[in-house]
Amino acid sequence: MVLHTAADYATTGTVNSLWLLVAAALVLLMTPGVAFFYGGMVRAKSVVSMMMMSFGAMAIVGVLWVVYGYGLSFGQPLIPHVLGTPDWFLSSLMGKDGMTPDLGGLAFAGFQATFAIITVALISGAIADRAKFGAWMVFAGVWVTVVYFPVAFWVFNLSQGWIASILHVNDFAGGTAVHINAGAAGLALALVLGKRVGFQKGMSKPHNVPLTLLGAALLWFGWFGFNAGSEAAVDGVAAIAWINTLAAPAAATIGWLIVEKIKDGKPTSIGAASGAVAGLVAITPACNILTPGFAILLGLVAGAVCAIAIDLKFKLGFDDSLDVVGIHLIGGLIGTLWIGVFGFTHVDGDPTKPFSSLWYGGSLLQLGAQALGAFSVMIYSFVLALAIGWVIQKTMGFRIKNEDELAGVDTVVHGEEGYSLEPV
């Protein structure tokens, strides 16, 4: 479309805002998708607790985002290159009289809110079967405030954040800010809460495989909004992001199942779902900057590596219940670093300058930037999540008692059962 008039520009802006609003709804659907995905993999007497942690994240993060989260992430710098000013709710997008809303700004704010929500929800899988709901809500509120909001400023605030504007890291839709961030926090909480009773390989099987497959389907569906929506426009970049969001997880499913067949003798439906999610995680930071061929190759690698990585918890002795580390942390690192090797990237994002990736430009510049950004977020998130979780555990208590864990989190914490098979 060639734009000629002010009306054409206004129409295009409206279309882009409409796409952002639709994409935001798709991404919000991903959090119930996480609830189903995780819920099916825990014990039948933990499914309510597991799903409530995702819905609790929607509640607490949704409120904090509107009150001050968007301002901290995208407001005018309070601390240059580090943190924004939490004044959006009062003035930035609604106007001083509260009657002149900014369509594009509000659409973007709503879209980014869903990223904050799902990042927190992802962490919960690492502590399944043994966490108090009230303690989880406190953790979610504190962690999103001191970790996610600042990291979002660093990564997604393209003109201000130090990772985006100084390092020129390419993280199109959240490989660092979402997946590495959540994976590192999940590892920290797994260490704080300790191992489940009887922790060992094969200690528990998914109680409801169809529920997990439903969750994976909702995640993949919503992920098209996650990735293609991050362009904030209806254009060719959104289209290539969409295609890569199809190609990479499809290939990752194959990669995971091949490893599973070699390792365990049988390809499973849970493996297929996990492989698809691993591919989605890996393509998230790179979906705008890879050819579909390299997206497929990325998917194959991510699916295979993550299928192997999920067993690290047994060798290293940490109880990451639902493989948040093996899928989100490892998958996020693979996808983020992949850009420096195979991305069609330019120095400083300037197309007049030479390519800065290894494959296209013979340069290690982008790979170094990607690595610095990824590991900075990982360390920051891990250290603060460890500190927050430790304080909560020592004060109000984060982990439920062993006898309550064996009896079932659902009835002890929520007074409910996921499946009531007997008449009242």
Protein backbone atom coordinates (compact mmCIF):
# COMPACT_ATOMS: atom_id res chain seq x y z
CA MET A 1 0.00 0.00 0.00
CA VAL A 2 1.37 3.42 -1.02
CA LEU A 3 0.37 6.21 1.35
CA HIS A 4 -0.37 9.63 -0.08
CA THR A 5 -2.71 11.52 2.23
CA ALA A 6 -3.12 12.23 5.92
CA ALA A 7 -6.30 10.14 5.79
CA ASP A 8 -4.29 7.20 4.44
CA TYR A 9 -1.86 7.48 7.32
CA ALA A 10 -4.70 7.70 9.83
CA THR A 11 -6.37 4.63 8.34
CA THR A 12 -3.14 2.66 8.44
CA GLY A 13 -2.60 3.65 12.07
CA THR A 14 -6.09 2.44 12.91
CA VAL A 15 -5.46 -0.90 11.18
CA ASN A 16 -2.20 -1.35 13.07
CA SER A 17 -3.91 -0.55 16.37
CA LEU A 18 -6.68 -3.01 15.56
CA TRP A 19 -4.08 -5.70 14.89
CA LEU A 20 -2.40 -4.92 18.22
CA LEU A 21 -5.69 -5.27 20.08
CA VAL A 22 -6.38 -8.62 18.38
CA ALA A 23 -2.82 -9.78 19.05
CA ALA A 24 -3.16 -8.74 22.70
CA ALA A 25 -6.26 -10.92 23.05
CA LEU A 26 -4.37 -13.83 21.49
CA VAL A 27 -1.47 -13.41 23.91
CA LEU A 28 -3.80 -13.12 26.91
CA LEU A 29 -5.32 -16.46 25.88
CA MET A 30 -1.85 -17.97 26.24
CA THR A 31 -1.97 -17.67 30.04
CA PRO A 32 -5.03 -19.95 30.35
CA GLY A 33 -3.13 -22.07 27.83
CA VAL A 34 -0.23 -22.26 30.29
CA ALA A 35 -2.74 -23.20 33.01
CA PHE A 36 -4.03 -26.12 30.93
CA PHE A 37 -0.54 -27.13 29.75
CA TYR A 38 0.83 -27.21 33.28
CA GLY A 39 -2.41 -28.43 34.85
CA GLY A 40 -2.51 -31.63 32.84
CA MET A 41 1.04 -32.55 33.80
CA VAL A 42 0.66 -32.43 37.59
CA ARG A 43 -1.12 -34.88 39.87
CA ALA A 44 -4.93 -34.92 39.86
CA LYS A 45 -4.94 -33.51 43.40
CA SER A 46 -2.75 -30.54 42.36
CA VAL A 47 -4.50 -29.39 39.17
CA VAL A 48 -6.57 -26.63 40.82
CA SER A 49 -3.51 -25.21 42.56
CA MET A 50 -1.48 -25.31 39.35
CA MET A 51 -4.11 -23.53 37.29
CA MET A 52 -4.85 -20.99 40.01
CA MET A 53 -1.23 -19.84 39.91
CA SER A 54 -1.70 -18.79 36.26
CA PHE A 55 -5.01 -17.09 36.94
CA GLY A 56 -3.49 -15.43 40.00
CA ALA A 57 -0.74 -14.04 37.76
CA MET A 58 -3.40 -12.54 35.48
CA ALA A 59 -5.01 -10.84 38.46
CA ILE A 60 -2.02 -9.37 40.28
CA VAL A 61 0.05 -8.43 37.23
CA GLY A 62 -2.96 -6.97 35.41
CA VAL A 63 -3.56 -4.53 38.25
CA LEU A 64 0.10 -3.60 38.77
CA TRP A 65 0.64 -3.05 35.06
CA VAL A 66 -2.11 -0.46 34.85
CA VAL A 67 -1.14 1.28 38.08
CA TYR A 68 2.61 1.62 37.45
CA GLY A 69 4.05 -1.26 35.43
CA TYR A 70 3.65 0.26 31.98
CA GLY A 71 5.24 3.48 33.16
CA LEU A 72 8.24 1.66 34.63
CA SER A 73 8.66 -0.32 31.40
CA PHE A 74 7.92 2.31 28.75
CA GLY A 75 7.66 5.69 30.46
CA GLN A 76 10.11 8.54 30.21
CA PRO A 77 13.41 7.52 31.85
CA LEU A 78 13.52 7.84 35.60
CA ILE A 79 16.99 6.29 35.52
CA PRO A 80 18.49 6.67 32.02
CA HIS A 81 18.64 3.37 30.11
CA VAL A 82 17.46 1.46 33.20
CA LEU A 83 13.94 2.36 34.37
CA GLY A 84 10.96 4.44 33.36
CA THR A 85 8.73 6.81 35.31
CA PRO A 86 5.54 5.18 36.71
CA ASP A 87 3.17 7.93 35.60
CA TRP A 88 1.34 6.38 32.65
CA PHE A 89 -1.97 5.65 34.40
CA LEU A 90 -2.34 9.25 35.54
CA SER A 91 -1.36 11.15 32.43
CA SER A 92 0.54 9.62 29.54
CA LEU A 93 -2.08 7.85 27.46
CA MET A 94 -5.42 9.03 28.83
CA GLY A 95 -4.75 12.75 28.65
CA LYS A 96 -4.93 15.19 31.55
CA ASP A 97 -8.71 15.34 31.39
CA GLY A 98 -9.04 11.57 31.18
CA MET A 99 -11.20 11.98 28.07
CA THR A 100 -8.69 11.91 25.21
CA PRO A 101 -7.36 8.36 25.01
CA ASP A 102 -4.50 7.58 22.64
CA LEU A 103 -5.66 4.63 20.53
CA GLY A 104 -2.24 3.45 19.40
CA GLY A 105 -0.62 3.99 22.80
CA LEU A 106 -3.37 2.20 24.68
CA ALA A 107 -3.32 -0.71 22.21
CA PHE A 108 0.43 -1.08 22.70
CA ALA A 109 0.06 -0.82 26.49
CA GLY A 110 -2.56 -3.56 26.46
CA PHE A 111 -0.42 -5.76 24.24
CA GLN A 112 2.61 -5.43 26.48
CA ALA A 113 0.52 -6.13 29.58
CA THR A 114 -0.12 -9.65 28.33
CA PHE A 115 3.64 -10.25 28.07
CA ALA A 116 4.13 -9.34 31.71
CA ILE A 117 1.30 -11.63 32.76
CA ILE A 118 2.47 -14.74 30.91
CA THR A 119 6.09 -14.29 32.01
CA VAL A 120 5.03 -14.58 35.65
CA ALA A 121 2.70 -17.51 34.91
CA LEU A 122 5.53 -19.46 33.25
CA ILE A 123 7.57 -19.43 36.46
CA SER A 124 4.91 -21.37 38.36
CA GLY A 125 5.67 -24.64 36.59
CA ALA A 126 8.99 -24.93 38.40
CA ILE A 127 7.31 -25.16 41.83
CA ALA A 128 4.26 -27.29 41.03
CA ASP A 129 2.75 -29.49 43.77
CA ARG A 130 4.31 -27.69 46.73
CA ALA A 131 3.70 -23.91 46.81
CA LYS A 132 1.32 -21.84 48.93
CA PHE A 133 -1.00 -19.70 46.83
CA GLY A 134 -0.73 -16.60 49.03
CA ALA A 135 3.06 -16.75 49.00
CA TRP A 136 2.99 -17.18 45.22
CA MET A 137 0.87 -14.04 44.84
CA VAL A 138 3.29 -12.04 46.99
CA PHE A 139 6.22 -13.34 44.97
CA ALA A 140 4.47 -12.56 41.69
CA GLY A 141 3.78 -8.97 42.71
CA VAL A 142 7.28 -8.28 43.99
CA TRP A 143 9.13 -10.11 41.20
CA VAL A 144 7.21 -8.46 38.37
CA THR A 145 7.91 -5.07 39.96
CA VAL A 146 11.64 -5.37 40.61
CA VAL A 147 12.58 -7.79 37.83
CA TYR A 148 10.17 -7.91 34.89
CA PHE A 149 9.31 -4.21 34.62
CA PRO A 150 12.97 -3.08 34.60
CA VAL A 151 13.99 -5.88 32.21
CA ALA A 152 11.14 -4.94 29.86
CA PHE A 153 12.53 -1.39 29.85
CA TRP A 154 16.01 -2.69 29.00
CA VAL A 155 14.85 -4.99 26.20
CA PHE A 156 11.58 -3.71 24.74
CA ASN A 157 12.09 0.05 25.11
CA LEU A 158 14.00 0.31 21.85
CA SER A 159 15.02 3.95 22.16
CA GLN A 160 15.89 3.96 25.88
CA GLY A 161 16.72 0.51 27.28
CA TRP A 162 20.42 -0.31 27.54
CA ILE A 163 20.09 -3.81 26.09
CA ALA A 164 18.14 -2.54 23.08
CA SER A 165 19.65 0.88 22.43
CA ILE A 166 23.27 0.42 23.56
CA LEU A 167 24.00 -3.27 22.96
CA HIS A 168 21.59 -3.45 19.98
CA VAL A 169 20.42 -6.89 21.03
CA ASN A 170 17.68 -8.28 18.80
CA ASP A 171 14.92 -9.71 20.99
CA PHE A 172 11.85 -9.29 18.87
CA ALA A 173 9.24 -10.84 21.14
CA GLY A 174 10.86 -11.83 24.41
CA GLY A 175 13.56 -14.51 24.33
CA THR A 176 15.39 -12.66 27.09
CA ALA A 177 12.66 -10.57 28.73
CA VAL A 178 10.13 -13.42 28.86
CA HIS A 179 11.69 -16.87 28.59
CA ILE A 180 15.22 -16.49 29.96
CA ASN A 181 13.78 -14.21 32.62
CA ALA A 182 11.11 -16.73 33.66
CA GLY A 183 13.43 -19.73 33.37
CA ALA A 184 16.07 -18.20 35.64
CA ALA A 185 13.42 -17.22 38.20
CA GLY A 186 11.96 -20.73 38.03
CA LEU A 187 15.37 -22.23 38.78
CA ALA A 188 15.80 -19.91 41.75
CA LEU A 189 12.40 -20.81 43.23
CA ALA A 190 13.01 -24.53 42.67
CA LEU A 191 16.14 -24.17 44.81
CA VAL A 192 14.35 -22.17 47.51
CA LEU A 193 11.39 -24.55 47.86
CA GLY A 194 13.48 -27.71 47.54
CA LYS A 195 12.53 -31.08 46.14
CA ARG A 196 9.12 -32.69 46.22
CA VAL A 197 8.64 -35.67 48.51
CA GLY A 198 10.09 -38.73 46.78
CA PHE A 199 11.73 -36.71 44.00
CA GLN A 200 13.19 -39.00 41.35
CA LYS A 201 12.88 -39.66 37.64
CA GLY A 202 9.45 -41.00 36.78
CA MET A 203 8.02 -40.12 40.20
CA SER A 204 4.79 -38.79 38.70
CA LYS A 205 3.07 -38.98 35.37
CA PRO A 206 0.73 -36.40 33.79
CA HIS A 207 -2.73 -37.00 35.18
CA ASN A 208 -4.54 -35.62 32.12
CA VAL A 209 -2.71 -35.77 28.80
CA PRO A 210 -5.57 -34.24 26.73
CA LEU A 211 -5.57 -31.22 29.07
CA THR A 212 -1.87 -30.66 28.38
CA LEU A 213 -2.38 -31.03 24.63
CA LEU A 214 -5.21 -28.50 24.78
CA GLY A 215 -2.89 -26.11 26.58
CA ALA A 216 -0.17 -26.59 23.97
CA ALA A 217 -2.68 -25.91 21.20
CA LEU A 218 -3.85 -22.69 22.87
CA LEU A 219 -0.24 -21.63 23.38
CA TRP A 220 0.68 -22.18 19.73
CA PHE A 221 -2.47 -20.38 18.57
CA GLY A 222 -1.83 -17.41 20.84
CA TRP A 223 1.86 -17.34 19.95
CA PHE A 224 1.05 -15.99 16.48
CA GLY A 225 -0.16 -12.86 18.26
CA PHE A 226 2.87 -12.98 20.55
CA ASN A 227 5.38 -12.94 17.69
CA ALA A 228 3.64 -11.36 14.70
CA GLY A 229 1.98 -8.81 16.96
CA SER A 230 5.35 -7.59 18.21
CA GLU A 231 5.87 -5.76 14.93
CA ALA A 232 2.93 -3.51 15.96
CA ALA A 233 2.09 -3.16 12.28
CA VAL A 234 0.54 -5.11 9.43
CA ASP A 235 3.55 -5.53 7.15
CA GLY A 236 6.14 -7.95 5.81
CA VAL A 237 7.98 -8.28 9.12
CA ALA A 238 4.77 -9.42 10.82
CA ALA A 239 4.27 -11.93 8.00
CA ILE A 240 7.77 -13.45 8.26
CA ALA A 241 7.34 -13.63 12.03
CA TRP A 242 4.07 -15.53 11.48
CA ILE A 243 5.64 -18.00 9.05
CA ASN A 244 8.60 -18.63 11.35
CA THR A 245 6.19 -19.16 14.26
CA LEU A 246 4.68 -21.97 12.21
CA ALA A 247 7.94 -23.48 10.95
CA ALA A 248 10.16 -23.55 14.04
CA PRO A 249 7.80 -25.28 16.50
CA ALA A 250 6.76 -27.77 13.84
CA ALA A 251 10.42 -28.71 13.34
CA ALA A 252 11.05 -28.68 17.10
CA THR A 253 8.27 -31.21 17.59
CA ILE A 254 10.09 -33.53 15.20
CA GLY A 255 13.44 -32.90 16.87
CA TRP A 256 12.05 -33.63 20.35
CA LEU A 257 10.29 -36.83 19.23
CA ILE A 258 13.43 -38.16 17.53
CA VAL A 259 15.44 -37.70 20.72
CA GLU A 260 12.62 -39.17 22.80
CA LYS A 261 12.43 -42.23 20.54
CA ILE A 262 16.20 -42.76 20.76
CA LYS A 263 16.35 -42.08 24.50
CA ASP A 264 13.19 -43.75 25.80
CA GLY A 265 12.05 -45.97 22.95
CA LYS A 266 8.68 -44.29 22.39
CA PRO A 267 7.57 -40.91 21.04
CA THR A 268 4.90 -39.46 23.34
CA SER A 269 2.17 -36.88 22.99
CA ILE A 270 3.60 -34.98 25.98
CA GLY A 271 6.92 -34.96 24.13
CA ALA A 272 5.24 -33.57 21.02
CA ALA A 273 3.58 -30.80 23.05
CA SER A 274 6.81 -30.00 24.89
CA GLY A 275 8.77 -29.94 21.64
CA ALA A 276 6.32 -27.51 20.07
CA VAL A 277 6.63 -25.19 23.09
CA ALA A 278 10.43 -25.44 22.99
CA GLY A 279 10.37 -24.39 19.33
CA LEU A 280 8.03 -21.52 20.08
CA VAL A 281 10.33 -20.34 22.85
CA ALA A 282 13.41 -20.49 20.63
CA ILE A 283 11.87 -18.66 17.68
CA THR A 284 10.42 -15.87 19.85
CA PRO A 285 13.48 -13.56 19.88
CA ALA A 286 14.46 -14.40 16.29
CA CYS A 287 11.20 -14.63 14.34
CA ASN A 288 11.75 -11.28 12.58
CA ILE A 289 15.31 -11.85 11.52
CA LEU A 290 15.64 -15.45 10.26
CA THR A 291 14.82 -16.96 6.92
CA PRO A 292 12.26 -19.80 7.21
CA GLY A 293 15.03 -22.29 6.45
CA PHE A 294 17.10 -21.19 9.41
CA ALA A 295 13.91 -21.09 11.50
CA ILE A 296 13.32 -24.77 10.71
CA LEU A 297 16.93 -25.59 11.58
CA LEU A 298 16.57 -23.64 14.83
CA GLY A 299 13.44 -25.62 15.66
CA LEU A 300 15.15 -28.96 15.09
CA VAL A 301 18.08 -27.97 17.28
CA ALA A 302 15.94 -26.46 20.05
CA GLY A 303 13.59 -29.45 20.17
CA ALA A 304 16.47 -31.92 20.39
CA VAL A 305 18.56 -29.97 22.89
CA CYS A 306 15.62 -29.18 25.19
CA ALA A 307 14.56 -32.85 25.13
CA ILE A 308 18.00 -33.69 26.49
CA ALA A 309 18.19 -30.69 28.85
CA ILE A 310 15.08 -31.60 30.85
CA ASP A 311 16.99 -34.47 32.44
CA LEU A 312 19.64 -32.14 33.85
CA LYS A 313 17.53 -31.62 36.95
CA PHE A 314 18.03 -35.24 37.95
CA LYS A 315 21.79 -35.05 37.43
CA LEU A 316 22.20 -31.66 39.12
CA GLY A 317 19.67 -32.27 41.88
CA PHE A 318 17.13 -29.45 41.54
CA ASP A 319 13.40 -30.14 41.28
CA ASP A 320 12.06 -28.10 38.37
CA SER A 321 8.67 -29.82 38.37
CA LEU A 322 7.48 -29.03 34.84
CA ASP A 323 10.78 -28.27 33.07
CA VAL A 324 10.67 -24.48 33.04
CA VAL A 325 14.48 -24.46 33.02
CA GLY A 326 14.90 -27.13 30.36
CA ILE A 327 12.38 -25.57 27.97
CA HIS A 328 12.22 -21.83 28.66
CA LEU A 329 15.70 -21.00 29.93
CA ILE A 330 17.56 -23.31 27.56
CA GLY A 331 15.22 -22.66 24.63
CA GLY A 332 15.42 -18.91 25.20
CA LEU A 333 19.22 -19.01 25.26
CA ILE A 334 19.37 -21.07 22.06
CA GLY A 335 17.04 -18.73 20.18
CA THR A 336 18.72 -15.57 21.43
CA LEU A 337 22.23 -16.75 20.53
CA TRP A 338 21.07 -18.20 17.19
CA ILE A 339 20.47 -14.64 15.99
CA GLY A 340 24.17 -13.84 16.27
CA VAL A 341 25.01 -16.84 14.09
CA PHE A 342 22.28 -16.96 11.43
CA GLY A 343 20.33 -13.69 11.70
CA PHE A 344 20.38 -11.28 8.77
CA THR A 345 21.44 -8.53 11.15
CA HIS A 346 23.25 -5.25 10.50
CA VAL A 347 25.58 -3.37 12.82
CA ASP A 348 23.45 -1.10 15.03
CA GLY A 349 20.39 -2.14 13.02
CA ASP A 350 21.51 0.16 10.21
CA PRO A 351 20.94 -1.50 6.78
CA THR A 352 23.64 0.72 5.22
CA LYS A 353 26.27 -0.97 7.39
CA PRO A 354 27.76 -4.49 7.06
CA PHE A 355 26.03 -7.59 8.34
CA SER A 356 27.03 -8.34 11.91
CA SER A 357 26.05 -12.02 12.24
CA LEU A 358 28.51 -14.84 11.76
CA TRP A 359 26.78 -16.49 8.78
CA TYR A 360 25.98 -13.36 6.78
CA GLY A 361 28.82 -11.07 7.76
CA GLY A 362 31.53 -13.28 9.20
CA SER A 363 31.29 -11.19 12.35
CA LEU A 364 31.01 -12.14 16.02
CA LEU A 365 29.69 -8.69 16.95
CA GLN A 366 26.02 -9.61 17.13
CA LEU A 367 26.68 -12.93 18.83
CA GLY A 368 28.64 -11.16 21.56
CA ALA A 369 25.87 -8.62 22.06
CA GLN A 370 23.22 -11.34 22.20
CA ALA A 371 25.23 -13.33 24.74
CA LEU A 372 25.84 -10.30 26.97
CA GLY A 373 22.18 -9.35 26.95
CA ALA A 374 20.96 -12.90 27.56
CA PHE A 375 23.28 -13.68 30.45
CA SER A 376 22.75 -10.28 32.05
CA VAL A 377 19.00 -10.90 32.23
CA MET A 378 19.53 -14.48 33.42
CA ILE A 379 21.82 -13.48 36.30
CA TYR A 380 19.70 -10.49 37.33
CA SER A 381 16.49 -12.53 37.40
CA PHE A 382 18.05 -15.51 39.18
CA VAL A 383 19.67 -13.47 41.95
CA LEU A 384 16.61 -11.35 42.72
CA ALA A 385 14.16 -14.26 42.46
CA LEU A 386 16.37 -16.24 44.84
CA ALA A 387 16.40 -13.34 47.30
CA ILE A 388 12.65 -12.67 47.07
CA GLY A 389 11.79 -16.35 47.39
CA TRP A 390 14.13 -16.81 50.35
CA VAL A 391 12.63 -13.88 52.24
CA ILE A 392 9.10 -15.15 51.63
CA GLN A 393 10.06 -18.65 52.74
CA LYS A 394 11.65 -17.36 55.94
CA THR A 395 8.77 -15.04 56.81
CA MET A 396 5.32 -16.22 55.69
CA GLY A 397 6.47 -19.58 54.34
CA PHE A 398 6.43 -20.46 50.64
CA ARG A 399 6.35 -24.25 50.66
CA ILE A 400 3.48 -26.28 52.08
CA LYS A 401 4.13 -29.02 54.66
CA ASN A 402 5.20 -32.45 53.44
CA GLU A 403 2.03 -34.07 54.78
CA ASP A 404 -0.08 -31.48 52.95
CA GLU A 405 1.85 -32.13 49.76
CA LEU A 406 1.08 -35.84 50.03
CA ALA A 407 -2.57 -35.17 50.85
CA GLY A 408 -2.88 -32.83 47.87
CA VAL A 409 -2.42 -29.09 47.45
CA ASP A 410 -5.92 -28.54 46.12
CA THR A 411 -7.90 -29.54 49.19
CA VAL A 412 -5.38 -28.15 51.68
CA VAL A 413 -4.87 -24.73 50.07
CA HIS A 414 -8.07 -24.15 48.09
CA GLY A 415 -10.63 -26.50 49.63
CA GLU A 416 -11.50 -27.83 46.19
CA GLU A 417 -10.96 -30.89 44.05
CA GLY A 418 -10.29 -30.85 40.34
CA TYR A 419 -12.46 -33.90 39.77
CA SER A 420 -15.37 -34.68 42.09
CA LEU A 421 -16.37 -38.20 41.09
CA GLU A 422 -18.62 -38.98 44.05
CA PRO A 423 -22.10 -37.50 44.61
CA VAL A 424 -22.33 -34.95 47.39
